[in-house]
């Protein structure tokens, strides 16, 4: 069907703004409505806030927006946490909100990995 072919083609085009304003492919994004994902991924991995309503999210899901964290997503999330923590460590003026946000994501990721049901999916 022509609609599915169009969705397939759109899924590999970087046209969706993420929460940082960069244009990314729908397949690079995570669904902000999925329980727990918002705590595990960086804001850059979520659609812009103005796109976070039902109609748009349905379309993004149809174009491949992720609804679950894959093993690649876990590693990507861990790398972003590491990158942010390194950047914070070299700043002279630490912003407590940013430190708290990085710690919160790191803790959420560790808790996710500590859950035997989650980790077994990747073994």
PDB file of N, CA and C in Angstrom:
ATOM      1  N   UNK A   1       0.840  -1.181   0.000  1.00  0.00           N
ATOM      2  CA  UNK A   1       0.000   0.000   0.000  1.00  0.00           C
ATOM      3  C   UNK A   1       0.881   1.239   0.000  1.00  0.00           C
ATOM      4  N   UNK A   2       0.467   2.283  -0.708  1.00  0.00           N
ATOM      5  CA  UNK A   2       1.262   3.490  -0.866  1.00  0.00           C
ATOM      6  C   UNK A   2       1.542   4.213   0.431  1.00  0.00           C
ATOM      7  N   UNK A   3       0.599   4.160   1.387  1.00  0.00           N
ATOM      8  CA  UNK A   3       0.786   4.817   2.678  1.00  0.00           C
ATOM      9  C   UNK A   3       1.929   4.222   3.466  1.00  0.00           C
ATOM     10  N   UNK A   4       2.014   2.896   3.461  1.00  0.00           N
ATOM     11  CA  UNK A   4       3.106   2.234   4.197  1.00  0.00           C
ATOM     12  C   UNK A   4       4.450   2.509   3.552  1.00  0.00           C
ATOM     13  N   UNK A   5       4.492   2.558   2.233  1.00  0.00           N
ATOM     14  CA  UNK A   5       5.745   2.871   1.534  1.00  0.00           C
ATOM     15  C   UNK A   5       6.206   4.282   1.885  1.00  0.00           C
ATOM     16  N   UNK A   6       5.264   5.206   1.957  1.00  0.00           N
ATOM     17  CA  UNK A   6       5.602   6.576   2.319  1.00  0.00           C
ATOM     18  C   UNK A   6       6.139   6.636   3.747  1.00  0.00           C
ATOM     19  N   UNK A   7       5.476   5.938   4.678  1.00  0.00           N
ATOM     20  CA  UNK A   7       5.937   5.907   6.066  1.00  0.00           C
ATOM     21  C   UNK A   7       7.343   5.317   6.162  1.00  0.00           C
ATOM     22  N   UNK A   8       7.601   4.269   5.392  1.00  0.00           N
ATOM     23  CA  UNK A   8       8.938   3.659   5.385  1.00  0.00           C
ATOM     24  C   UNK A   8       9.988   4.661   4.909  1.00  0.00           C
ATOM     25  N   UNK A   9       9.674   5.407   3.864  1.00  0.00           N
ATOM     26  CA  UNK A   9      10.624   6.402   3.350  1.00  0.00           C
ATOM     27  C   UNK A   9      10.819   7.551   4.339  1.00  0.00           C
ATOM     28  N   UNK A  10       9.742   7.963   4.988  1.00  0.00           N
ATOM     29  CA  UNK A  10       9.815   9.071   5.946  1.00  0.00           C
ATOM     30  C   UNK A  10      10.608   8.682   7.196  1.00  0.00           C
ATOM     31  N   UNK A  11      10.633   7.401   7.523  1.00  0.00           N
ATOM     32  CA  UNK A  11      11.297   6.947   8.749  1.00  0.00           C
ATOM     33  C   UNK A  11      12.809   7.155   8.708  1.00  0.00           C
ATOM     34  N   UNK A  12      13.375   7.315   7.519  1.00  0.00           N
ATOM     35  CA  UNK A  12      14.830   7.475   7.408  1.00  0.00           C
ATOM     36  C   UNK A  12      15.244   8.902   7.054  1.00  0.00           C
ATOM     37  N   UNK A  13      14.301   9.831   7.142  1.00  0.00           N
ATOM     38  CA  UNK A  13      14.576  11.238   6.846  1.00  0.00           C
ATOM     39  C   UNK A  13      14.608  12.021   8.156  1.00  0.00           C
ATOM     40  N   UNK A  14      15.644  12.820   8.346  1.00  0.00           N
ATOM     41  CA  UNK A  14      15.785  13.624   9.565  1.00  0.00           C
ATOM     42  C   UNK A  14      14.962  14.906   9.424  1.00  0.00           C
ATOM     43  N   UNK A  15      13.695  14.846   9.820  1.00  0.00           N
ATOM     44  CA  UNK A  15      12.810  15.997   9.688  1.00  0.00           C
ATOM     45  C   UNK A  15      12.038  16.321  10.973  1.00  0.00           C
ATOM     46  N   UNK A  16      12.223  15.504  12.012  1.00  0.00           N
ATOM     47  CA  UNK A  16      11.467  15.685  13.251  1.00  0.00           C
ATOM     48  C   UNK A  16      12.340  16.411  14.275  1.00  0.00           C
ATOM     49  N   UNK A  17      11.879  17.544  14.802  1.00  0.00           N
ATOM     50  CA  UNK A  17      12.677  18.224  15.821  1.00  0.00           C
ATOM     51  C   UNK A  17      12.652  17.469  17.149  1.00  0.00           C
ATOM     52  N   UNK A  18      13.843  17.285  17.729  1.00  0.00           N
ATOM     53  CA  UNK A  18      13.905  16.686  19.066  1.00  0.00           C
ATOM     54  C   UNK A  18      13.790  17.811  20.089  1.00  0.00           C
ATOM     55  N   UNK A  19      13.885  17.462  21.353  1.00  0.00           N
ATOM     56  CA  UNK A  19      13.680  18.473  22.395  1.00  0.00           C
ATOM     57  C   UNK A  19      14.802  19.508  22.456  1.00  0.00           C
ATOM     58  N   UNK A  20      15.906  19.263  21.737  1.00  0.00           N
ATOM     59  CA  UNK A  20      16.989  20.257  21.660  1.00  0.00           C
ATOM     60  C   UNK A  20      16.872  21.118  20.405  1.00  0.00           C
ATOM     61  N   UNK A  21      15.879  20.807  19.551  1.00  0.00           N
ATOM     62  CA  UNK A  21      15.674  21.587  18.332  1.00  0.00           C
ATOM     63  C   UNK A  21      16.382  21.041  17.113  1.00  0.00           C
ATOM     64  N   UNK A  22      17.173  19.976  17.274  1.00  0.00           N
ATOM     65  CA  UNK A  22      17.847  19.361  16.126  1.00  0.00           C
ATOM     66  C   UNK A  22      16.864  18.480  15.359  1.00  0.00           C
ATOM     67  N   UNK A  23      17.048  18.390  14.060  1.00  0.00           N
ATOM     68  CA  UNK A  23      16.201  17.522  13.248  1.00  0.00           C
ATOM     69  C   UNK A  23      16.787  16.125  13.234  1.00  0.00           C
ATOM     70  N   UNK A  24      15.952  15.139  13.561  1.00  0.00           N
ATOM     71  CA  UNK A  24      16.380  13.746  13.628  1.00  0.00           C
ATOM     72  C   UNK A  24      15.367  12.863  12.912  1.00  0.00           C
ATOM     73  N   UNK A  25      15.755  11.619  12.658  1.00  0.00           N
ATOM     74  CA  UNK A  25      14.847  10.646  12.056  1.00  0.00           C
ATOM     75  C   UNK A  25      13.871  10.150  13.123  1.00  0.00           C
ATOM     76  N   UNK A  26      12.651   9.813  12.735  1.00  0.00           N
ATOM     77  CA  UNK A  26      11.707   9.241  13.698  1.00  0.00           C
ATOM     78  C   UNK A  26      12.275   8.006  14.408  1.00  0.00           C
ATOM     79  N   UNK A  27      13.092   7.242  13.694  1.00  0.00           N
ATOM     80  CA  UNK A  27      13.670   6.022  14.271  1.00  0.00           C
ATOM     81  C   UNK A  27      14.745   6.311  15.320  1.00  0.00           C
ATOM     82  N   UNK A  28      15.177   7.565  15.435  1.00  0.00           N
ATOM     83  CA  UNK A  28      16.169   7.957  16.445  1.00  0.00           C
ATOM     84  C   UNK A  28      15.515   8.397  17.753  1.00  0.00           C
ATOM     85  N   UNK A  29      14.194   8.467  17.758  1.00  0.00           N
ATOM     86  CA  UNK A  29      13.472   8.987  18.913  1.00  0.00           C
ATOM     87  C   UNK A  29      12.843   7.873  19.752  1.00  0.00           C
ATOM     88  N   UNK A  30      12.600   8.212  21.020  1.00  0.00           N
ATOM     89  CA  UNK A  30      11.897   7.319  21.941  1.00  0.00           C
ATOM     90  C   UNK A  30      10.566   7.954  22.320  1.00  0.00           C
ATOM     91  N   UNK A  31       9.583   7.115  22.532  1.00  0.00           N
ATOM     92  CA  UNK A  31       8.235   7.552  22.864  1.00  0.00           C
ATOM     93  C   UNK A  31       8.188   8.109  24.286  1.00  0.00           C
ATOM     94  N   UNK A  32       7.863   9.393  24.447  1.00  0.00           N
ATOM     95  CA  UNK A  32       7.828   9.984  25.789  1.00  0.00           C
ATOM     96  C   UNK A  32       6.653   9.489  26.637  1.00  0.00           C
ATOM     97  N   UNK A  33       5.693   8.811  26.022  1.00  0.00           N
ATOM     98  CA  UNK A  33       4.548   8.305  26.774  1.00  0.00           C
ATOM     99  C   UNK A  33       4.780   6.912  27.345  1.00  0.00           C
ATOM    100  N   UNK A  34       5.886   6.277  26.971  1.00  0.00           N
ATOM    101  CA  UNK A  34       6.183   4.945  27.498  1.00  0.00           C
ATOM    102  C   UNK A  34       6.741   5.056  28.913  1.00  0.00           C
ATOM    103  N   UNK A  35       6.160   4.332  29.804  1.00  0.00           N
ATOM    104  CA  UNK A  35       6.525   4.381  31.216  1.00  0.00           C
ATOM    105  C   UNK A  35       8.016   4.117  31.416  1.00  0.00           C
ATOM    106  N   UNK A  36       8.676   5.017  32.108  1.00  0.00           N
ATOM    107  CA  UNK A  36      10.077   4.840  32.467  1.00  0.00           C
ATOM    108  C   UNK A  36      11.085   5.289  31.433  1.00  0.00           C
ATOM    109  N   UNK A  37      10.711   5.349  30.166  1.00  0.00           N
ATOM    110  CA  UNK A  37      11.681   5.717  29.124  1.00  0.00           C
ATOM    111  C   UNK A  37      12.198   7.135  29.308  1.00  0.00           C
ATOM    112  N   UNK A  38      11.336   8.025  29.712  1.00  0.00           N
ATOM    113  CA  UNK A  38      11.723   9.430  29.843  1.00  0.00           C
ATOM    114  C   UNK A  38      12.835   9.610  30.869  1.00  0.00           C
ATOM    115  N   UNK A  39      12.903   8.704  31.863  1.00  0.00           N
ATOM    116  CA  UNK A  39      13.960   8.770  32.873  1.00  0.00           C
ATOM    117  C   UNK A  39      15.262   8.136  32.394  1.00  0.00           C
ATOM    118  N   UNK A  40      15.186   7.307  31.365  1.00  0.00           N
ATOM    119  CA  UNK A  40      16.360   6.561  30.911  1.00  0.00           C
ATOM    120  C   UNK A  40      17.116   7.228  29.767  1.00  0.00           C
ATOM    121  N   UNK A  41      16.428   8.008  28.983  1.00  0.00           N
ATOM    122  CA  UNK A  41      17.065   8.563  27.786  1.00  0.00           C
ATOM    123  C   UNK A  41      17.294  10.055  27.927  1.00  0.00           C
ATOM    124  N   UNK A  42      18.244  10.549  27.185  1.00  0.00           N
ATOM    125  CA  UNK A  42      18.561  11.970  27.130  1.00  0.00           C
ATOM    126  C   UNK A  42      17.434  12.706  26.415  1.00  0.00           C
ATOM    127  N   UNK A  43      17.240  13.971  26.757  1.00  0.00           N
ATOM    128  CA  UNK A  43      16.213  14.782  26.096  1.00  0.00           C
ATOM    129  C   UNK A  43      16.362  14.791  24.585  1.00  0.00           C
ATOM    130  N   UNK A  44      17.592  14.701  24.109  1.00  0.00           N
ATOM    131  CA  UNK A  44      17.817  14.734  22.662  1.00  0.00           C
ATOM    132  C   UNK A  44      17.243  13.504  21.965  1.00  0.00           C
ATOM    133  N   UNK A  45      16.861  12.494  22.754  1.00  0.00           N
ATOM    134  CA  UNK A  45      16.304  11.261  22.194  1.00  0.00           C
ATOM    135  C   UNK A  45      14.774  11.270  22.240  1.00  0.00           C
ATOM    136  N   UNK A  46      14.196  12.430  22.586  1.00  0.00           N
ATOM    137  CA  UNK A  46      12.742  12.581  22.689  1.00  0.00           C
ATOM    138  C   UNK A  46      12.274  13.643  21.696  1.00  0.00           C
ATOM    139  N   UNK A  47      11.036  13.497  21.196  1.00  0.00           N
ATOM    140  CA  UNK A  47      10.522  14.543  20.300  1.00  0.00           C
ATOM    141  C   UNK A  47      10.337  15.859  21.048  1.00  0.00           C
ATOM    142  N   UNK A  48      10.346  16.950  20.311  1.00  0.00           N
ATOM    143  CA  UNK A  48      10.117  18.276  20.894  1.00  0.00           C
ATOM    144  C   UNK A  48       8.796  18.277  21.650  1.00  0.00           C
ATOM    145  N   UNK A  49       8.712  19.073  22.696  1.00  0.00           N
ATOM    146  CA  UNK A  49       7.520  19.076  23.553  1.00  0.00           C
ATOM    147  C   UNK A  49       6.241  19.403  22.780  1.00  0.00           C
ATOM    148  N   UNK A  50       6.325  20.253  21.772  1.00  0.00           N
ATOM    149  CA  UNK A  50       5.128  20.587  21.007  1.00  0.00           C
ATOM    150  C   UNK A  50       4.625  19.433  20.137  1.00  0.00           C
ATOM    151  N   UNK A  51       5.414  18.378  20.012  1.00  0.00           N
ATOM    152  CA  UNK A  51       5.005  17.201  19.239  1.00  0.00           C
ATOM    153  C   UNK A  51       4.497  16.060  20.128  1.00  0.00           C
ATOM    154  N   UNK A  52       4.414  16.303  21.402  1.00  0.00           N
ATOM    155  CA  UNK A  52       4.070  15.231  22.344  1.00  0.00           C
ATOM    156  C   UNK A  52       2.568  15.147  22.617  1.00  0.00           C
ATOM    157  N   UNK A  53       1.791  15.113  21.556  1.00  0.00           N
ATOM    158  CA  UNK A  53       0.364  14.858  21.725  1.00  0.00           C
ATOM    159  C   UNK A  53      -0.026  13.670  20.861  1.00  0.00           C
ATOM    160  N   UNK A  54      -1.154  13.090  21.192  1.00  0.00           N
ATOM    161  CA  UNK A  54      -1.551  11.782  20.677  1.00  0.00           C
ATOM    162  C   UNK A  54      -1.424  11.624  19.170  1.00  0.00           C
ATOM    163  N   UNK A  55      -1.963  12.551  18.402  1.00  0.00           N
ATOM    164  CA  UNK A  55      -1.947  12.410  16.946  1.00  0.00           C
ATOM    165  C   UNK A  55      -0.550  12.346  16.368  1.00  0.00           C
ATOM    166  N   UNK A  56       0.307  13.252  16.795  1.00  0.00           N
ATOM    167  CA  UNK A  56       1.685  13.282  16.285  1.00  0.00           C
ATOM    168  C   UNK A  56       2.447  12.045  16.747  1.00  0.00           C
ATOM    169  N   UNK A  57       2.280  11.672  18.011  1.00  0.00           N
ATOM    170  CA  UNK A  57       3.003  10.501  18.523  1.00  0.00           C
ATOM    171  C   UNK A  57       2.586   9.229  17.796  1.00  0.00           C
ATOM    172  N   UNK A  58       1.309   9.119  17.446  1.00  0.00           N
ATOM    173  CA  UNK A  58       0.863   7.954  16.671  1.00  0.00           C
ATOM    174  C   UNK A  58       1.576   7.903  15.324  1.00  0.00           C
ATOM    175  N   UNK A  59       1.678   9.045  14.674  1.00  0.00           N
ATOM    176  CA  UNK A  59       2.365   9.096  13.377  1.00  0.00           C
ATOM    177  C   UNK A  59       3.841   8.746  13.535  1.00  0.00           C
ATOM    178  N   UNK A  60       4.480   9.282  14.573  1.00  0.00           N
ATOM    179  CA  UNK A  60       5.900   8.978  14.803  1.00  0.00           C
ATOM    180  C   UNK A  60       6.101   7.500  15.098  1.00  0.00           C
ATOM    181  N   UNK A  61       5.187   6.891  15.854  1.00  0.00           N
ATOM    182  CA  UNK A  61       5.279   5.442  16.110  1.00  0.00           C
ATOM    183  C   UNK A  61       5.174   4.667  14.802  1.00  0.00           C
ATOM    184  N   UNK A  62       4.264   5.096  13.928  1.00  0.00           N
ATOM    185  CA  UNK A  62       4.092   4.427  12.628  1.00  0.00           C
ATOM    186  C   UNK A  62       5.349   4.555  11.772  1.00  0.00           C
ATOM    187  N   UNK A  63       6.138   5.615  12.017  1.00  0.00           N
ATOM    188  CA  UNK A  63       7.379   5.815  11.261  1.00  0.00           C
ATOM    189  C   UNK A  63       8.591   5.244  11.988  1.00  0.00           C
ATOM    190  N   UNK A  64       8.374   4.525  13.084  1.00  0.00           N
ATOM    191  CA  UNK A  64       9.477   3.810  13.720  1.00  0.00           C
ATOM    192  C   UNK A  64      10.013   4.384  15.013  1.00  0.00           C
ATOM    193  N   UNK A  65       9.319   5.361  15.608  1.00  0.00           N
ATOM    194  CA  UNK A  65       9.776   5.851  16.909  1.00  0.00           C
ATOM    195  C   UNK A  65       9.783   4.684  17.888  1.00  0.00           C
ATOM    196  N   UNK A  66      10.834   4.584  18.691  1.00  0.00           N
ATOM    197  CA  UNK A  66      11.024   3.449  19.584  1.00  0.00           C
ATOM    198  C   UNK A  66      10.118   3.554  20.816  1.00  0.00           C
ATOM    199  N   UNK A  67       9.572   2.412  21.202  1.00  0.00           N
ATOM    200  CA  UNK A  67       8.721   2.348  22.386  1.00  0.00           C
ATOM    201  C   UNK A  67       9.358   1.525  23.498  1.00  0.00           C
ATOM    202  N   UNK A  68      10.495   0.924  23.202  1.00  0.00           N
ATOM    203  CA  UNK A  68      11.228   0.136  24.196  1.00  0.00           C
ATOM    204  C   UNK A  68      12.711   0.426  24.054  1.00  0.00           C
ATOM    205  N   UNK A  69      13.435   0.241  25.144  1.00  0.00           N
ATOM    206  CA  UNK A  69      14.873   0.457  25.122  1.00  0.00           C
ATOM    207  C   UNK A  69      15.560  -0.821  24.644  1.00  0.00           C
ATOM    208  N   UNK A  70      16.308  -0.728  23.566  1.00  0.00           N
ATOM    209  CA  UNK A  70      17.052  -1.869  23.029  1.00  0.00           C
ATOM    210  C   UNK A  70      18.442  -1.898  23.661  1.00  0.00           C
ATOM    211  N   UNK A  71      19.208  -2.937  23.365  1.00  0.00           N
ATOM    212  CA  UNK A  71      20.576  -2.993  23.886  1.00  0.00           C
ATOM    213  C   UNK A  71      21.401  -1.815  23.344  1.00  0.00           C
ATOM    214  N   UNK A  72      21.166  -1.434  22.101  1.00  0.00           N
ATOM    215  CA  UNK A  72      21.853  -0.273  21.522  1.00  0.00           C
ATOM    216  C   UNK A  72      21.417   0.993  22.258  1.00  0.00           C
ATOM    217  N   UNK A  73      20.140   1.097  22.577  1.00  0.00           N
ATOM    218  CA  UNK A  73      19.626   2.249  23.314  1.00  0.00           C
ATOM    219  C   UNK A  73      20.210   2.348  24.708  1.00  0.00           C
ATOM    220  N   UNK A  74      20.418   1.204  25.367  1.00  0.00           N
ATOM    221  CA  UNK A  74      21.027   1.187  26.698  1.00  0.00           C
ATOM    222  C   UNK A  74      22.446   1.744  26.628  1.00  0.00           C
ATOM    223  N   UNK A  75      23.206   1.275  25.653  1.00  0.00           N
ATOM    224  CA  UNK A  75      24.589   1.741  25.495  1.00  0.00           C
ATOM    225  C   UNK A  75      24.610   3.220  25.123  1.00  0.00           C
ATOM    226  N   UNK A  76      23.719   3.628  24.232  1.00  0.00           N
ATOM    227  CA  UNK A  76      23.640   5.040  23.831  1.00  0.00           C
ATOM    228  C   UNK A  76      23.301   5.916  25.041  1.00  0.00           C
ATOM    229  N   UNK A  77      22.368   5.471  25.850  1.00  0.00           N
ATOM    230  CA  UNK A  77      21.985   6.224  27.044  1.00  0.00           C
ATOM    231  C   UNK A  77      23.158   6.314  28.020  1.00  0.00           C
ATOM    232  N   UNK A  78      23.856   5.206  28.227  1.00  0.00           N
ATOM    233  CA  UNK A  78      25.013   5.199  29.133  1.00  0.00           C
ATOM    234  C   UNK A  78      26.111   6.131  28.621  1.00  0.00           C
ATOM    235  N   UNK A  79      26.339   6.145  27.313  1.00  0.00           N
ATOM    236  CA  UNK A  79      27.364   7.038  26.738  1.00  0.00           C
ATOM    237  C   UNK A  79      26.998   8.504  26.909  1.00  0.00           C
ATOM    238  N   UNK A  80      25.726   8.819  26.741  1.00  0.00           N
ATOM    239  CA  UNK A  80      25.289  10.206  26.923  1.00  0.00           C
ATOM    240  C   UNK A  80      25.425  10.632  28.382  1.00  0.00           C
ATOM    241  N   UNK A  81      25.126   9.724  29.302  1.00  0.00           N
ATOM    242  CA  UNK A  81      25.303  10.018  30.729  1.00  0.00           C
ATOM    243  C   UNK A  81      26.778  10.275  31.010  1.00  0.00           C
ATOM    244  N   UNK A  82      27.643   9.411  30.477  1.00  0.00           N
ATOM    245  CA  UNK A  82      29.084   9.573  30.666  1.00  0.00           C
ATOM    246  C   UNK A  82      29.563  10.914  30.095  1.00  0.00           C
ATOM    247  N   UNK A  83      29.111  11.236  28.889  1.00  0.00           N
ATOM    248  CA  UNK A  83      29.508  12.483  28.234  1.00  0.00           C
ATOM    249  C   UNK A  83      29.082  13.695  29.064  1.00  0.00           C
ATOM    250  N   UNK A  84      27.835  13.681  29.524  1.00  0.00           N
ATOM    251  CA  UNK A  84      27.336  14.803  30.323  1.00  0.00           C
ATOM    252  C   UNK A  84      28.090  14.922  31.646  1.00  0.00           C
ATOM    253  N   UNK A  85      28.375  13.785  32.277  1.00  0.00           N
ATOM    254  CA  UNK A  85      29.101  13.805  33.552  1.00  0.00           C
ATOM    255  C   UNK A  85      30.519  14.351  33.349  1.00  0.00           C
ATOM    256  N   UNK A  86      31.175  13.955  32.265  1.00  0.00           N
ATOM    257  CA  UNK A  86      32.517  14.478  31.985  1.00  0.00           C
ATOM    258  C   UNK A  86      32.482  15.982  31.751  1.00  0.00           C
ATOM    259  N   UNK A  87      31.479  16.439  31.000  1.00  0.00           N
ATOM    260  CA  UNK A  87      31.356  17.878  30.752  1.00  0.00           C
ATOM    261  C   UNK A  87      31.107  18.644  32.039  1.00  0.00           C
ATOM    262  N   UNK A  88      30.308  18.081  32.920  1.00  0.00           N
ATOM    263  CA  UNK A  88      30.045  18.741  34.201  1.00  0.00           C
ATOM    264  C   UNK A  88      31.301  18.786  35.064  1.00  0.00           C
ATOM    265  N   UNK A  89      32.124  17.733  34.977  1.00  0.00           N
ATOM    266  CA  UNK A  89      33.305  17.665  35.831  1.00  0.00           C
ATOM    267  C   UNK A  89      34.371  18.698  35.472  1.00  0.00           C
ATOM    268  N   UNK A  90      34.328  19.217  34.238  1.00  0.00           N
ATOM    269  CA  UNK A  90      35.332  20.210  33.839  1.00  0.00           C
ATOM    270  C   UNK A  90      34.817  21.643  33.950  1.00  0.00           C
ATOM    271  N   UNK A  91      33.555  21.802  34.304  1.00  0.00           N
ATOM    272  CA  UNK A  91      32.999  23.143  34.465  1.00  0.00           C
ATOM    273  C   UNK A  91      33.394  23.719  35.823  1.00  0.00           C
ATOM    274  N   UNK A  92      33.713  24.986  35.809  1.00  0.00           N
ATOM    275  CA  UNK A  92      34.074  25.642  37.067  1.00  0.00           C
ATOM    276  C   UNK A  92      32.853  25.865  37.942  1.00  0.00           C
ATOM    277  N   UNK A  93      31.770  26.304  37.341  1.00  0.00           N
ATOM    278  CA  UNK A  93      30.540  26.576  38.083  1.00  0.00           C
ATOM    279  C   UNK A  93      29.545  25.449  37.831  1.00  0.00           C
ATOM    280  N   UNK A  94      29.465  24.528  38.773  1.00  0.00           N
ATOM    281  CA  UNK A  94      28.529  23.419  38.627  1.00  0.00           C
ATOM    282  C   UNK A  94      27.107  23.902  38.850  1.00  0.00           C
ATOM    283  N   UNK A  95      26.237  23.473  37.981  1.00  0.00           N
ATOM    284  CA  UNK A  95      24.825  23.785  38.121  1.00  0.00           C
ATOM    285  C   UNK A  95      24.172  22.554  38.743  1.00  0.00           C
ATOM    286  N   UNK A  96      23.695  22.723  39.970  1.00  0.00           N
ATOM    287  CA  UNK A  96      23.147  21.594  40.724  1.00  0.00           C
ATOM    288  C   UNK A  96      22.021  20.883  39.992  1.00  0.00           C
ATOM    289  N   UNK A  97      21.201  21.628  39.259  1.00  0.00           N
ATOM    290  CA  UNK A  97      20.099  21.006  38.520  1.00  0.00           C
ATOM    291  C   UNK A  97      20.622  20.025  37.472  1.00  0.00           C
ATOM    292  N   UNK A  98      21.714  20.415  36.803  1.00  0.00           N
ATOM    293  CA  UNK A  98      22.296  19.531  35.785  1.00  0.00           C
ATOM    294  C   UNK A  98      22.934  18.307  36.424  1.00  0.00           C
ATOM    295  N   UNK A  99      23.608  18.492  37.535  1.00  0.00           N
ATOM    296  CA  UNK A  99      24.210  17.363  38.251  1.00  0.00           C
ATOM    297  C   UNK A  99      23.115  16.407  38.700  1.00  0.00           C
ATOM    298  N   UNK A 100      22.047  16.960  39.249  1.00  0.00           N
ATOM    299  CA  UNK A 100      20.921  16.140  39.709  1.00  0.00           C
ATOM    300  C   UNK A 100      20.306  15.359  38.542  1.00  0.00           C
ATOM    301  N   UNK A 101      20.136  16.015  37.395  1.00  0.00           N
ATOM    302  CA  UNK A 101      19.537  15.358  36.226  1.00  0.00           C
ATOM    303  C   UNK A 101      20.394  14.193  35.741  1.00  0.00           C
ATOM    304  N   UNK A 102      21.718  14.381  35.718  1.00  0.00           N
ATOM    305  CA  UNK A 102      22.620  13.303  35.283  1.00  0.00           C
ATOM    306  C   UNK A 102      22.570  12.149  36.282  1.00  0.00           C
ATOM    307  N   UNK A 103      22.591  12.472  37.559  1.00  0.00           N
ATOM    308  CA  UNK A 103      22.509  11.418  38.589  1.00  0.00           C
ATOM    309  C   UNK A 103      21.191  10.663  38.504  1.00  0.00           C
ATOM    310  N   UNK A 104      20.117  11.381  38.268  1.00  0.00           N
ATOM    311  CA  UNK A 104      18.791  10.755  38.170  1.00  0.00           C
ATOM    312  C   UNK A 104      18.744   9.777  36.999  1.00  0.00           C
ATOM    313  N   UNK A 105      19.289  10.197  35.833  1.00  0.00           N
ATOM    314  CA  UNK A 105      19.304   9.299  34.667  1.00  0.00           C
ATOM    315  C   UNK A 105      20.216   8.107  34.900  1.00  0.00           C
ATOM    316  N   UNK A 106      21.365   8.332  35.522  1.00  0.00           N
ATOM    317  CA  UNK A 106      22.286   7.224  35.812  1.00  0.00           C
ATOM    318  C   UNK A 106      21.631   6.220  36.761  1.00  0.00           C
ATOM    319  N   UNK A 107      20.961   6.723  37.777  1.00  0.00           N
ATOM    320  CA  UNK A 107      20.270   5.848  38.735  1.00  0.00           C
ATOM    321  C   UNK A 107      19.148   5.082  38.052  1.00  0.00           C
ATOM    322  N   UNK A 108      18.377   5.754  37.205  1.00  0.00           N
ATOM    323  CA  UNK A 108      17.290   5.087  36.481  1.00  0.00           C
ATOM    324  C   UNK A 108      17.832   3.989  35.578  1.00  0.00           C
ATOM    325  N   UNK A 109      18.955   4.257  34.910  1.00  0.00           N
ATOM    326  CA  UNK A 109      19.554   3.248  34.038  1.00  0.00           C
ATOM    327  C   UNK A 109      20.060   2.059  34.851  1.00  0.00           C
ATOM    328  N   UNK A 110      20.715   2.324  35.966  1.00  0.00           N
ATOM    329  CA  UNK A 110      21.193   1.229  36.816  1.00  0.00           C
ATOM    330  C   UNK A 110      20.032   0.417  37.382  1.00  0.00           C
ATOM    331  N   UNK A 111      18.975   1.087  37.782  1.00  0.00           N
ATOM    332  CA  UNK A 111      17.798   0.365  38.277  1.00  0.00           C
ATOM    333  C   UNK A 111      17.170  -0.482  37.184  1.00  0.00           C
ATOM    334  N   UNK A 112      17.137   0.052  35.962  1.00  0.00           N
ATOM    335  CA  UNK A 112      16.615  -0.697  34.816  1.00  0.00           C
ATOM    336  C   UNK A 112      17.450  -1.952  34.591  1.00  0.00           C
ATOM    337  N   UNK A 113      18.777  -1.806  34.635  1.00  0.00           N
ATOM    338  CA  UNK A 113      19.675  -2.936  34.419  1.00  0.00           C
ATOM    339  C   UNK A 113      19.633  -3.933  35.578  1.00  0.00           C
ATOM    340  N   UNK A 114      19.353  -3.434  36.766  1.00  0.00           N
ATOM    341  CA  UNK A 114      19.290  -4.286  37.948  1.00  0.00           C
ATOM    342  C   UNK A 114      18.046  -5.167  37.962  1.00  0.00           C
ATOM    343  N   UNK A 115      17.030  -4.772  37.230  1.00  0.00           N
ATOM    344  CA  UNK A 115      15.793  -5.549  37.162  1.00  0.00           C
ATOM    345  C   UNK A 115      16.038  -6.791  36.309  1.00  0.00           C
ATOM    346  N   UNK A 116      15.964  -7.944  36.948  1.00  0.00           N
ATOM    347  CA  UNK A 116      16.278  -9.209  36.265  1.00  0.00           C
ATOM    348  C   UNK A 116      15.395  -9.422  35.039  1.00  0.00           C
ATOM    349  N   UNK A 117      14.142  -8.995  35.093  1.00  0.00           N
ATOM    350  CA  UNK A 117      13.245  -9.160  33.946  1.00  0.00           C
ATOM    351  C   UNK A 117      13.728  -8.363  32.744  1.00  0.00           C
ATOM    352  N   UNK A 118      14.280  -7.188  32.990  1.00  0.00           N
ATOM    353  CA  UNK A 118      14.780  -6.384  31.875  1.00  0.00           C
ATOM    354  C   UNK A 118      16.061  -6.964  31.295  1.00  0.00           C
ATOM    355  N   UNK A 119      16.988  -7.311  32.153  1.00  0.00           N
ATOM    356  CA  UNK A 119      18.301  -7.775  31.682  1.00  0.00           C
ATOM    357  C   UNK A 119      18.188  -9.117  30.927  1.00  0.00           C
ATOM    358  N   UNK A 120      17.256  -9.960  31.343  1.00  0.00           N
ATOM    359  CA  UNK A 120      17.097 -11.258  30.679  1.00  0.00           C
ATOM    360  C   UNK A 120      16.668 -11.107  29.218  1.00  0.00           C
ATOM    361  N   UNK A 121      16.015 -10.014  28.876  1.00  0.00           N
ATOM    362  CA  UNK A 121      15.583  -9.763  27.507  1.00  0.00           C
ATOM    363  C   UNK A 121      16.766  -9.583  26.568  1.00  0.00           C
ATOM    364  N   UNK A 122      17.918  -9.202  27.135  1.00  0.00           N
ATOM    365  CA  UNK A 122      19.085  -8.905  26.309  1.00  0.00           C
ATOM    366  C   UNK A 122      20.117 -10.017  26.296  1.00  0.00           C
ATOM    367  N   UNK A 123      19.914 -11.054  27.086  1.00  0.00           N
ATOM    368  CA  UNK A 123      20.877 -12.161  27.146  1.00  0.00           C
ATOM    369  C   UNK A 123      20.534 -13.237  26.149  1.00  0.00           C
TER     370      UNK A 123
END
